[in-house]
Amino acid sequence: MATVWDAAEVKSTGRSSRQSAHVALPATKTGAPRVRRRLGPGPAIPFGLQIGPALLVLLWVGGSALGLIDPRILSAPWTVVEAFGRLIEQGRLQDNFVTSASRALIGLSIGLVIGTLLAVIAGLSRIGEALIDGPIQIKRAIPTLALIPLLILWFGIGEGMKVTTIVLAVIIPIYIHTHNALRSIDSRYVELAETLRMSQKDFILQVVLPGALPGFLLGLRFAVTLCWVSLVVVEQINATSGLGYMIDLARTYGQTDVILVGLVVYVLLGLVSDGLVRLLERRVLTWRRTLAN
């Protein structure tokens, strides 16, 4: 028997047949309309993103307080807080933090400049793309951390190897997302620039760079994350300073509380740096929201 829509419900609600189709399903054999089940995650939960981490901390506190967690495997939260204060009092945490932050900042800055220049050259020139895109894709297929043995042979185990590792990790996301944004610039803007007879310099400054900015900022978020990941690894390879060195030294002596302090600092650095990039993105890309409105 053919199904029919419940016309009475449509008439009582005052909605059109097209609108009601999103609310009611075809009538069943008994004549009663079936209720549509909404797909998706449902309404947003206040502070939903904080529930998971808070639950993990509560389990950690409860397990430590009840003796369910061996302190030799995972130190209690209050022990980690004590270790945090002790490291600050001794000055070890500040010194290692400054060293790590300096390495990350230098590597990130160099990687941003190189990645952006390569993306602009490849994005504006077919010859540049033919020369640059291939090697970049090859590097993309090779994990940066897999190159560490080769980098040690080339640069030794000093600062040069550590900074170079971070630079190589940062270049890829910056290049990929910026290059993709350049290739995705609306052709109408290019035609308008040609109509206005803009110079090459004005074209790059007023059309190319603003058009590539969203992709660059997206690549910057990935680059910051990879920067910290690379830093953690290289600082545990024959280093004598830095947060990674502090963590590796604590592993040698079985100091899980110090290890957790270092991990917490890394987490905070990652969250803060990502938050700064997102804040920069909101401030710089205000023109997109203006156009959307």
C-alpha atoms as a PDB file:
ATOM      1  CA  MET A   1       0.000   0.000   0.000  1.00  0.00           C
ATOM      2  CA  ALA A   2       1.380   3.409  -0.920  1.00  0.00           C
ATOM      3  CA  THR A   3       2.588   5.610   1.928  1.00  0.00           C
ATOM      4  CA  VAL A   4       1.083   9.054   2.553  1.00  0.00           C
ATOM      5  CA  TRP A   5       2.208  12.103   4.497  1.00  0.00           C
ATOM      6  CA  ASP A   6       0.222  13.099   7.547  1.00  0.00           C
ATOM      7  CA  ALA A   7      -1.498  16.158   6.081  1.00  0.00           C
ATOM      8  CA  ALA A   8      -3.192  16.992   9.377  1.00  0.00           C
ATOM      9  CA  GLU A   9       0.120  17.600  11.085  1.00  0.00           C
ATOM     10  CA  VAL A  10       1.294  19.804   8.227  1.00  0.00           C
ATOM     11  CA  LYS A  11      -1.902  21.847   8.393  1.00  0.00           C
ATOM     12  CA  SER A  12      -1.774  22.240  12.189  1.00  0.00           C
ATOM     13  CA  THR A  13       1.851  23.346  12.250  1.00  0.00           C
ATOM     14  CA  GLY A  14       1.451  25.669   9.298  1.00  0.00           C
ATOM     15  CA  ARG A  15       4.618  24.337   7.625  1.00  0.00           C
ATOM     16  CA  SER A  16       4.956  23.630   3.948  1.00  0.00           C
ATOM     17  CA  SER A  17       5.144  20.053   2.695  1.00  0.00           C
ATOM     18  CA  ARG A  18       8.833  20.542   1.987  1.00  0.00           C
ATOM     19  CA  GLN A  19       9.522  21.730   5.539  1.00  0.00           C
ATOM     20  CA  SER A  20       7.439  18.991   7.144  1.00  0.00           C
ATOM     21  CA  ALA A  21       9.362  16.312   5.294  1.00  0.00           C
ATOM     22  CA  HIS A  22      12.265  17.064   7.583  1.00  0.00           C
ATOM     23  CA  VAL A  23      10.118  16.426  10.663  1.00  0.00           C
ATOM     24  CA  ALA A  24       7.710  13.598   9.840  1.00  0.00           C
ATOM     25  CA  LEU A  25       8.223  10.299   8.054  1.00  0.00           C
ATOM     26  CA  PRO A  26       5.663   8.395   5.927  1.00  0.00           C
ATOM     27  CA  ALA A  27       2.752   7.005   7.923  1.00  0.00           C
ATOM     28  CA  THR A  28       2.974   3.429   9.143  1.00  0.00           C
ATOM     29  CA  LYS A  29       0.388   0.735   8.384  1.00  0.00           C
ATOM     30  CA  THR A  30      -1.604   1.816  11.433  1.00  0.00           C
ATOM     31  CA  GLY A  31      -1.749   5.387  10.156  1.00  0.00           C
ATOM     32  CA  ALA A  32       0.444   6.889  12.909  1.00  0.00           C
ATOM     33  CA  PRO A  33       3.357   8.979  11.609  1.00  0.00           C
ATOM     34  CA  ARG A  34       6.833   7.883  12.563  1.00  0.00           C
ATOM     35  CA  VAL A  35       9.205  10.307  14.267  1.00  0.00           C
ATOM     36  CA  ARG A  36      12.420  11.054  12.430  1.00  0.00           C
ATOM     37  CA  ARG A  37      15.595  10.395  14.401  1.00  0.00           C
ATOM     38  CA  ARG A  38      18.083  13.205  14.083  1.00  0.00           C
ATOM     39  CA  LEU A  39      21.547  12.184  12.974  1.00  0.00           C
ATOM     40  CA  GLY A  40      24.704  13.796  14.316  1.00  0.00           C
ATOM     41  CA  PRO A  41      26.352  14.366  17.693  1.00  0.00           C
ATOM     42  CA  GLY A  42      23.458  16.381  19.110  1.00  0.00           C
ATOM     43  CA  PRO A  43      23.511  19.756  20.866  1.00  0.00           C
ATOM     44  CA  ALA A  44      26.763  21.130  22.206  1.00  0.00           C
ATOM     45  CA  ILE A  45      27.678  20.354  25.810  1.00  0.00           C
ATOM     46  CA  PRO A  46      29.012  23.269  27.905  1.00  0.00           C
ATOM     47  CA  PHE A  47      32.719  22.789  28.590  1.00  0.00           C
ATOM     48  CA  GLY A  48      32.516  19.525  26.631  1.00  0.00           C
ATOM     49  CA  LEU A  49      36.170  19.594  25.602  1.00  0.00           C
ATOM     50  CA  GLN A  50      37.275  19.853  29.241  1.00  0.00           C
ATOM     51  CA  ILE A  51      35.271  16.863  30.478  1.00  0.00           C
ATOM     52  CA  GLY A  52      37.653  14.215  29.137  1.00  0.00           C
ATOM     53  CA  PRO A  53      40.864  15.694  30.620  1.00  0.00           C
ATOM     54  CA  ALA A  54      39.105  16.448  33.911  1.00  0.00           C
ATOM     55  CA  LEU A  55      37.904  12.851  34.135  1.00  0.00           C
ATOM     56  CA  LEU A  56      41.437  11.560  33.541  1.00  0.00           C
ATOM     57  CA  VAL A  57      42.783  13.798  36.312  1.00  0.00           C
ATOM     58  CA  LEU A  58      40.057  12.616  38.700  1.00  0.00           C
ATOM     59  CA  LEU A  59      40.893   8.982  37.942  1.00  0.00           C
ATOM     60  CA  TRP A  60      44.566   9.751  38.491  1.00  0.00           C
ATOM     61  CA  VAL A  61      43.871  11.445  41.850  1.00  0.00           C
ATOM     62  CA  GLY A  62      41.481   8.735  42.998  1.00  0.00           C
ATOM     63  CA  GLY A  63      43.732   5.870  41.939  1.00  0.00           C
ATOM     64  CA  SER A  64      46.735   7.431  43.670  1.00  0.00           C
ATOM     65  CA  ALA A  65      44.812   8.202  46.858  1.00  0.00           C
ATOM     66  CA  LEU A  66      43.420   4.658  47.093  1.00  0.00           C
ATOM     67  CA  GLY A  67      46.776   3.053  46.339  1.00  0.00           C
ATOM     68  CA  LEU A  68      45.580   1.523  43.089  1.00  0.00           C
ATOM     69  CA  ILE A  69      48.397   3.162  41.102  1.00  0.00           C
ATOM     70  CA  ASP A  70      51.967   2.163  41.875  1.00  0.00           C
ATOM     71  CA  PRO A  71      53.963   5.409  42.442  1.00  0.00           C
ATOM     72  CA  ARG A  72      56.961   3.764  40.762  1.00  0.00           C
ATOM     73  CA  ILE A  73      54.887   3.569  37.575  1.00  0.00           C
ATOM     74  CA  LEU A  74      52.934   6.814  37.856  1.00  0.00           C
ATOM     75  CA  SER A  75      53.627   9.355  40.578  1.00  0.00           C
ATOM     76  CA  ALA A  76      50.715  10.880  42.487  1.00  0.00           C
ATOM     77  CA  PRO A  77      49.531  14.351  41.414  1.00  0.00           C
ATOM     78  CA  TRP A  78      50.693  15.951  44.672  1.00  0.00           C
ATOM     79  CA  THR A  79      54.136  14.405  44.178  1.00  0.00           C
ATOM     80  CA  VAL A  80      54.309  15.946  40.706  1.00  0.00           C
ATOM     81  CA  VAL A  81      53.341  19.349  42.143  1.00  0.00           C
ATOM     82  CA  GLU A  82      56.102  19.025  44.747  1.00  0.00           C
ATOM     83  CA  ALA A  83      58.606  18.115  42.035  1.00  0.00           C
ATOM     84  CA  PHE A  84      57.436  21.117  40.003  1.00  0.00           C
ATOM     85  CA  GLY A  85      58.125  23.460  42.892  1.00  0.00           C
ATOM     86  CA  ARG A  86      61.462  21.808  43.654  1.00  0.00           C
ATOM     87  CA  LEU A  87      62.662  22.148  40.050  1.00  0.00           C
ATOM     88  CA  ILE A  88      61.662  25.814  39.986  1.00  0.00           C
ATOM     89  CA  GLU A  89      63.441  26.431  43.290  1.00  0.00           C
ATOM     90  CA  GLN A  90      66.603  24.814  41.956  1.00  0.00           C
ATOM     91  CA  GLY A  91      66.354  26.763  38.696  1.00  0.00           C
ATOM     92  CA  ARG A  92      66.555  23.620  36.590  1.00  0.00           C
ATOM     93  CA  LEU A  93      63.129  24.009  35.042  1.00  0.00           C
ATOM     94  CA  GLN A  94      63.672  27.620  33.997  1.00  0.00           C
ATOM     95  CA  ASP A  95      67.100  26.948  32.460  1.00  0.00           C
ATOM     96  CA  ASN A  96      65.921  23.919  30.484  1.00  0.00           C
ATOM     97  CA  PHE A  97      62.774  25.750  29.406  1.00  0.00           C
ATOM     98  CA  VAL A  98      64.751  28.699  28.018  1.00  0.00           C
ATOM     99  CA  THR A  99      67.049  26.339  26.113  1.00  0.00           C
ATOM    100  CA  SER A 100      64.149  24.379  24.599  1.00  0.00           C
ATOM    101  CA  ALA A 101      62.170  27.504  23.732  1.00  0.00           C
ATOM    102  CA  SER A 102      65.220  29.027  22.005  1.00  0.00           C
ATOM    103  CA  ARG A 103      65.754  25.925  19.869  1.00  0.00           C
ATOM    104  CA  ALA A 104      62.081  25.753  18.955  1.00  0.00           C
ATOM    105  CA  LEU A 105      61.855  29.454  18.112  1.00  0.00           C
ATOM    106  CA  ILE A 106      64.971  29.416  15.914  1.00  0.00           C
ATOM    107  CA  GLY A 107      63.929  26.272  14.062  1.00  0.00           C
ATOM    108  CA  LEU A 108      60.349  27.463  13.624  1.00  0.00           C
ATOM    109  CA  SER A 109      61.415  30.884  12.321  1.00  0.00           C
ATOM    110  CA  ILE A 110      63.852  29.460   9.773  1.00  0.00           C
ATOM    111  CA  GLY A 111      61.344  26.821   8.664  1.00  0.00           C
ATOM    112  CA  LEU A 112      58.593  29.412   8.214  1.00  0.00           C
ATOM    113  CA  VAL A 113      60.759  31.603   6.001  1.00  0.00           C
ATOM    114  CA  ILE A 114      62.038  28.737   3.843  1.00  0.00           C
ATOM    115  CA  GLY A 115      58.661  27.014   3.546  1.00  0.00           C
ATOM    116  CA  THR A 116      56.868  30.237   2.610  1.00  0.00           C
ATOM    117  CA  LEU A 117      59.462  31.222   0.004  1.00  0.00           C
ATOM    118  CA  LEU A 118      59.371  27.787  -1.594  1.00  0.00           C
ATOM    119  CA  ALA A 119      55.568  27.830  -1.662  1.00  0.00           C
ATOM    120  CA  VAL A 120      55.433  31.278  -3.273  1.00  0.00           C
ATOM    121  CA  ILE A 121      57.999  30.335  -5.920  1.00  0.00           C
ATOM    122  CA  ALA A 122      56.256  27.053  -6.721  1.00  0.00           C
ATOM    123  CA  GLY A 123      52.821  28.644  -6.600  1.00  0.00           C
ATOM    124  CA  LEU A 124      53.588  31.503  -8.982  1.00  0.00           C
ATOM    125  CA  SER A 125      55.817  29.726 -11.462  1.00  0.00           C
ATOM    126  CA  ARG A 126      55.391  26.466 -13.314  1.00  0.00           C
ATOM    127  CA  ILE A 127      59.158  26.162 -13.589  1.00  0.00           C
ATOM    128  CA  GLY A 128      59.494  26.740  -9.857  1.00  0.00           C
ATOM    129  CA  GLU A 129      56.835  24.125  -9.184  1.00  0.00           C
ATOM    130  CA  ALA A 130      58.615  21.605 -11.406  1.00  0.00           C
ATOM    131  CA  LEU A 131      61.878  22.165  -9.540  1.00  0.00           C
ATOM    132  CA  ILE A 132      60.547  22.421  -5.975  1.00  0.00           C
ATOM    133  CA  ASP A 133      57.359  20.399  -5.613  1.00  0.00           C
ATOM    134  CA  GLY A 134      58.955  17.032  -6.406  1.00  0.00           C
ATOM    135  CA  PRO A 135      61.685  17.193  -3.731  1.00  0.00           C
ATOM    136  CA  ILE A 136      59.162  18.504  -1.207  1.00  0.00           C
ATOM    137  CA  GLN A 137      56.840  15.581  -1.867  1.00  0.00           C
ATOM    138  CA  ILE A 138      59.761  13.173  -1.473  1.00  0.00           C
ATOM    139  CA  LYS A 139      60.637  14.777   1.864  1.00  0.00           C
ATOM    140  CA  ARG A 140      56.971  14.611   2.841  1.00  0.00           C
ATOM    141  CA  ALA A 141      57.052  10.838   2.377  1.00  0.00           C
ATOM    142  CA  ILE A 142      60.106  10.510   4.626  1.00  0.00           C
ATOM    143  CA  PRO A 143      59.482  11.107   8.345  1.00  0.00           C
ATOM    144  CA  THR A 144      61.761  13.841   9.636  1.00  0.00           C
ATOM    145  CA  LEU A 145      62.779  11.743  12.629  1.00  0.00           C
ATOM    146  CA  ALA A 146      64.033   9.036  10.253  1.00  0.00           C
ATOM    147  CA  LEU A 147      66.615  11.527   8.970  1.00  0.00           C
ATOM    148  CA  ILE A 148      68.189  12.053  12.399  1.00  0.00           C
ATOM    149  CA  PRO A 149      70.971   9.426  11.904  1.00  0.00           C
ATOM    150  CA  LEU A 150      71.955  11.113   8.641  1.00  0.00           C
ATOM    151  CA  LEU A 151      71.781  14.580  10.195  1.00  0.00           C
ATOM    152  CA  ILE A 152      74.055  13.418  13.020  1.00  0.00           C
ATOM    153  CA  LEU A 153      76.626  12.319  10.450  1.00  0.00           C
ATOM    154  CA  TRP A 154      76.389  15.678   8.693  1.00  0.00           C
ATOM    155  CA  PHE A 155      76.116  18.091  11.624  1.00  0.00           C
ATOM    156  CA  GLY A 156      77.233  16.085  14.639  1.00  0.00           C
ATOM    157  CA  ILE A 157      75.195  16.052  17.850  1.00  0.00           C
ATOM    158  CA  GLY A 158      75.327  19.792  18.537  1.00  0.00           C
ATOM    159  CA  GLU A 159      72.794  22.556  18.103  1.00  0.00           C
ATOM    160  CA  GLY A 160      73.029  22.458  14.309  1.00  0.00           C
ATOM    161  CA  MET A 161      71.522  18.982  14.118  1.00  0.00           C
ATOM    162  CA  LYS A 162      68.715  19.842  16.530  1.00  0.00           C
ATOM    163  CA  VAL A 163      67.721  23.078  14.794  1.00  0.00           C
ATOM    164  CA  THR A 164      67.958  21.472  11.335  1.00  0.00           C
ATOM    165  CA  THR A 165      65.628  18.672  12.409  1.00  0.00           C
ATOM    166  CA  ILE A 166      63.039  21.206  13.553  1.00  0.00           C
ATOM    167  CA  VAL A 167      63.419  23.229  10.340  1.00  0.00           C
ATOM    168  CA  LEU A 168      62.818  20.154   8.163  1.00  0.00           C
ATOM    169  CA  ALA A 169      59.722  19.278  10.176  1.00  0.00           C
ATOM    170  CA  VAL A 170      58.307  22.806   9.903  1.00  0.00           C
ATOM    171  CA  ILE A 171      58.903  23.347   6.179  1.00  0.00           C
ATOM    172  CA  ILE A 172      56.523  20.631   4.967  1.00  0.00           C
ATOM    173  CA  PRO A 173      53.181  21.804   6.455  1.00  0.00           C
ATOM    174  CA  ILE A 174      53.973  25.432   5.686  1.00  0.00           C
ATOM    175  CA  TYR A 175      54.776  24.625   2.057  1.00  0.00           C
ATOM    176  CA  ILE A 176      51.873  22.214   1.493  1.00  0.00           C
ATOM    177  CA  HIS A 177      49.111  24.447   2.840  1.00  0.00           C
ATOM    178  CA  THR A 178      50.490  27.720   1.498  1.00  0.00           C
ATOM    179  CA  HIS A 179      51.084  26.240  -1.960  1.00  0.00           C
ATOM    180  CA  ASN A 180      47.573  24.784  -2.004  1.00  0.00           C
ATOM    181  CA  ALA A 181      46.113  28.151  -1.005  1.00  0.00           C
ATOM    182  CA  LEU A 182      48.032  29.888  -3.789  1.00  0.00           C
ATOM    183  CA  ARG A 183      46.719  27.441  -6.367  1.00  0.00           C
ATOM    184  CA  SER A 184      43.183  27.932  -5.044  1.00  0.00           C
ATOM    185  CA  ILE A 185      43.049  31.732  -5.422  1.00  0.00           C
ATOM    186  CA  ASP A 186      39.916  32.737  -7.330  1.00  0.00           C
ATOM    187  CA  SER A 187      40.780  33.388 -10.972  1.00  0.00           C
ATOM    188  CA  ARG A 188      38.483  36.413 -10.928  1.00  0.00           C
ATOM    189  CA  TYR A 189      40.940  38.233  -8.681  1.00  0.00           C
ATOM    190  CA  VAL A 190      43.739  37.451 -11.118  1.00  0.00           C
ATOM    191  CA  GLU A 191      41.672  38.751 -14.030  1.00  0.00           C
ATOM    192  CA  LEU A 192      40.838  41.893 -12.052  1.00  0.00           C
ATOM    193  CA  ALA A 193      44.534  42.484 -11.352  1.00  0.00           C
ATOM    194  CA  GLU A 194      45.280  42.119 -15.071  1.00  0.00           C
ATOM    195  CA  THR A 195      42.464  44.525 -15.922  1.00  0.00           C
ATOM    196  CA  LEU A 196      43.877  47.089 -13.485  1.00  0.00           C
ATOM    197  CA  ARG A 197      47.343  46.449 -14.921  1.00  0.00           C
ATOM    198  CA  MET A 198      48.845  45.870 -11.510  1.00  0.00           C
ATOM    199  CA  SER A 199      52.599  45.439 -11.286  1.00  0.00           C
ATOM    200  CA  GLN A 200      54.062  42.093 -10.268  1.00  0.00           C
ATOM    201  CA  LYS A 201      54.963  43.494  -6.856  1.00  0.00           C
ATOM    202  CA  ASP A 202      51.466  44.884  -6.204  1.00  0.00           C
ATOM    203  CA  PHE A 203      49.915  41.662  -7.476  1.00  0.00           C
ATOM    204  CA  ILE A 204      51.916  39.615  -4.960  1.00  0.00           C
ATOM    205  CA  LEU A 205      51.305  42.002  -2.054  1.00  0.00           C
ATOM    206  CA  GLN A 206      47.615  42.732  -2.666  1.00  0.00           C
ATOM    207  CA  VAL A 207      46.310  39.506  -4.238  1.00  0.00           C
ATOM    208  CA  VAL A 208      48.678  36.582  -3.746  1.00  0.00           C
ATOM    209  CA  LEU A 209      49.686  36.986  -0.103  1.00  0.00           C
ATOM    210  CA  PRO A 210      46.184  37.818   1.243  1.00  0.00           C
ATOM    211  CA  GLY A 211      44.771  34.917  -0.753  1.00  0.00           C
ATOM    212  CA  ALA A 212      47.372  32.506   0.621  1.00  0.00           C
ATOM    213  CA  LEU A 213      47.132  33.741   4.212  1.00  0.00           C
ATOM    214  CA  PRO A 214      44.379  31.307   5.360  1.00  0.00           C
ATOM    215  CA  GLY A 215      46.384  28.343   4.077  1.00  0.00           C
ATOM    216  CA  PHE A 216      49.578  29.685   5.635  1.00  0.00           C
ATOM    217  CA  LEU A 217      47.945  30.032   9.056  1.00  0.00           C
ATOM    218  CA  LEU A 218      46.533  26.522   8.823  1.00  0.00           C
ATOM    219  CA  GLY A 219      49.999  25.228   7.972  1.00  0.00           C
ATOM    220  CA  LEU A 220      51.400  27.240  10.873  1.00  0.00           C
ATOM    221  CA  ARG A 221      49.212  25.343  13.332  1.00  0.00           C
ATOM    222  CA  PHE A 222      50.554  22.026  12.061  1.00  0.00           C
ATOM    223  CA  ALA A 223      54.096  23.419  11.977  1.00  0.00           C
ATOM    224  CA  VAL A 224      53.972  24.492  15.625  1.00  0.00           C
ATOM    225  CA  THR A 225      52.842  21.013  16.665  1.00  0.00           C
ATOM    226  CA  LEU A 226      55.577  19.297  14.642  1.00  0.00           C
ATOM    227  CA  CYS A 227      58.090  21.750  16.042  1.00  0.00           C
ATOM    228  CA  TRP A 228      57.454  20.591  19.612  1.00  0.00           C
ATOM    229  CA  VAL A 229      57.334  16.920  18.591  1.00  0.00           C
ATOM    230  CA  SER A 230      60.718  17.187  16.895  1.00  0.00           C
ATOM    231  CA  LEU A 231      62.148  19.097  19.835  1.00  0.00           C
ATOM    232  CA  VAL A 232      61.168  16.344  22.282  1.00  0.00           C
ATOM    233  CA  VAL A 233      63.056  13.767  20.226  1.00  0.00           C
ATOM    234  CA  VAL A 234      66.224  15.684  19.396  1.00  0.00           C
ATOM    235  CA  GLU A 235      66.698  16.813  23.001  1.00  0.00           C
ATOM    236  CA  GLN A 236      66.939  13.201  24.080  1.00  0.00           C
ATOM    237  CA  ILE A 237      69.866  12.482  21.733  1.00  0.00           C
ATOM    238  CA  ASN A 238      73.135  13.249  23.527  1.00  0.00           C
ATOM    239  CA  ALA A 239      71.830  16.594  24.756  1.00  0.00           C
ATOM    240  CA  THR A 240      73.107  18.326  27.874  1.00  0.00           C
ATOM    241  CA  SER A 241      70.246  20.776  28.336  1.00  0.00           C
ATOM    242  CA  GLY A 242      66.598  21.259  27.521  1.00  0.00           C
ATOM    243  CA  LEU A 243      63.334  19.753  28.674  1.00  0.00           C
ATOM    244  CA  GLY A 244      63.937  16.568  26.716  1.00  0.00           C
ATOM    245  CA  TYR A 245      67.321  16.149  28.387  1.00  0.00           C
ATOM    246  CA  MET A 246      65.695  16.678  31.798  1.00  0.00           C
ATOM    247  CA  ILE A 247      63.102  14.000  31.012  1.00  0.00           C
ATOM    248  CA  ASP A 248      65.703  11.529  29.743  1.00  0.00           C
ATOM    249  CA  LEU A 249      67.906  12.100  32.793  1.00  0.00           C
ATOM    250  CA  ALA A 250      64.899  11.522  35.061  1.00  0.00           C
ATOM    251  CA  ARG A 251      64.209   8.250  33.229  1.00  0.00           C
ATOM    252  CA  THR A 252      67.736   7.097  34.061  1.00  0.00           C
ATOM    253  CA  TYR A 253      67.123   7.640  37.787  1.00  0.00           C
ATOM    254  CA  GLY A 254      63.516   6.442  37.740  1.00  0.00           C
ATOM    255  CA  GLN A 255      62.074   9.845  38.661  1.00  0.00           C
ATOM    256  CA  THR A 256      58.595   9.571  37.216  1.00  0.00           C
ATOM    257  CA  ASP A 257      57.527  12.798  38.924  1.00  0.00           C
ATOM    258  CA  VAL A 258      60.164  14.791  37.035  1.00  0.00           C
ATOM    259  CA  ILE A 259      59.190  13.063  33.795  1.00  0.00           C
ATOM    260  CA  LEU A 260      55.576  14.086  34.325  1.00  0.00           C
ATOM    261  CA  VAL A 261      56.631  17.664  35.070  1.00  0.00           C
ATOM    262  CA  GLY A 262      58.429  17.802  31.716  1.00  0.00           C
ATOM    263  CA  LEU A 263      55.440  16.303  29.905  1.00  0.00           C
ATOM    264  CA  VAL A 264      53.065  18.801  31.514  1.00  0.00           C
ATOM    265  CA  VAL A 265      55.306  21.658  30.397  1.00  0.00           C
ATOM    266  CA  TYR A 266      55.322  20.278  26.840  1.00  0.00           C
ATOM    267  CA  VAL A 267      51.517  20.046  26.892  1.00  0.00           C
ATOM    268  CA  LEU A 268      51.205  23.626  28.110  1.00  0.00           C
ATOM    269  CA  LEU A 269      53.634  24.850  25.463  1.00  0.00           C
ATOM    270  CA  GLY A 270      51.677  23.070  22.744  1.00  0.00           C
ATOM    271  CA  LEU A 271      48.313  24.375  23.921  1.00  0.00           C
ATOM    272  CA  VAL A 272      49.532  27.940  24.406  1.00  0.00           C
ATOM    273  CA  SER A 273      51.308  28.098  21.028  1.00  0.00           C
ATOM    274  CA  ASP A 274      48.280  26.652  19.216  1.00  0.00           C
ATOM    275  CA  GLY A 275      46.032  29.120  21.025  1.00  0.00           C
ATOM    276  CA  LEU A 276      48.250  32.016  19.951  1.00  0.00           C
ATOM    277  CA  VAL A 277      48.108  30.904  16.321  1.00  0.00           C
ATOM    278  CA  ARG A 278      44.321  30.611  16.491  1.00  0.00           C
ATOM    279  CA  LEU A 279      44.108  34.070  18.054  1.00  0.00           C
ATOM    280  CA  LEU A 280      46.318  35.433  15.268  1.00  0.00           C
ATOM    281  CA  GLU A 281      44.089  33.738  12.720  1.00  0.00           C
ATOM    282  CA  ARG A 282      40.965  35.370  14.146  1.00  0.00           C
ATOM    283  CA  ARG A 283      42.604  38.788  14.215  1.00  0.00           C
ATOM    284  CA  VAL A 284      44.196  38.655  10.772  1.00  0.00           C
ATOM    285  CA  LEU A 285      41.280  37.054   8.914  1.00  0.00           C
ATOM    286  CA  THR A 286      38.586  39.439  10.149  1.00  0.00           C
ATOM    287  CA  TRP A 287      38.043  40.540   6.536  1.00  0.00           C
ATOM    288  CA  ARG A 288      36.729  37.060   5.703  1.00  0.00           C
ATOM    289  CA  ARG A 289      33.981  37.332   8.305  1.00  0.00           C
ATOM    290  CA  THR A 290      33.200  40.844   7.050  1.00  0.00           C
ATOM    291  CA  LEU A 291      32.768  39.556   3.495  1.00  0.00           C
ATOM    292  CA  ALA A 292      30.668  36.635   4.706  1.00  0.00           C
ATOM    293  CA  ASN A 293      28.286  38.999   6.460  1.00  0.00           C
END
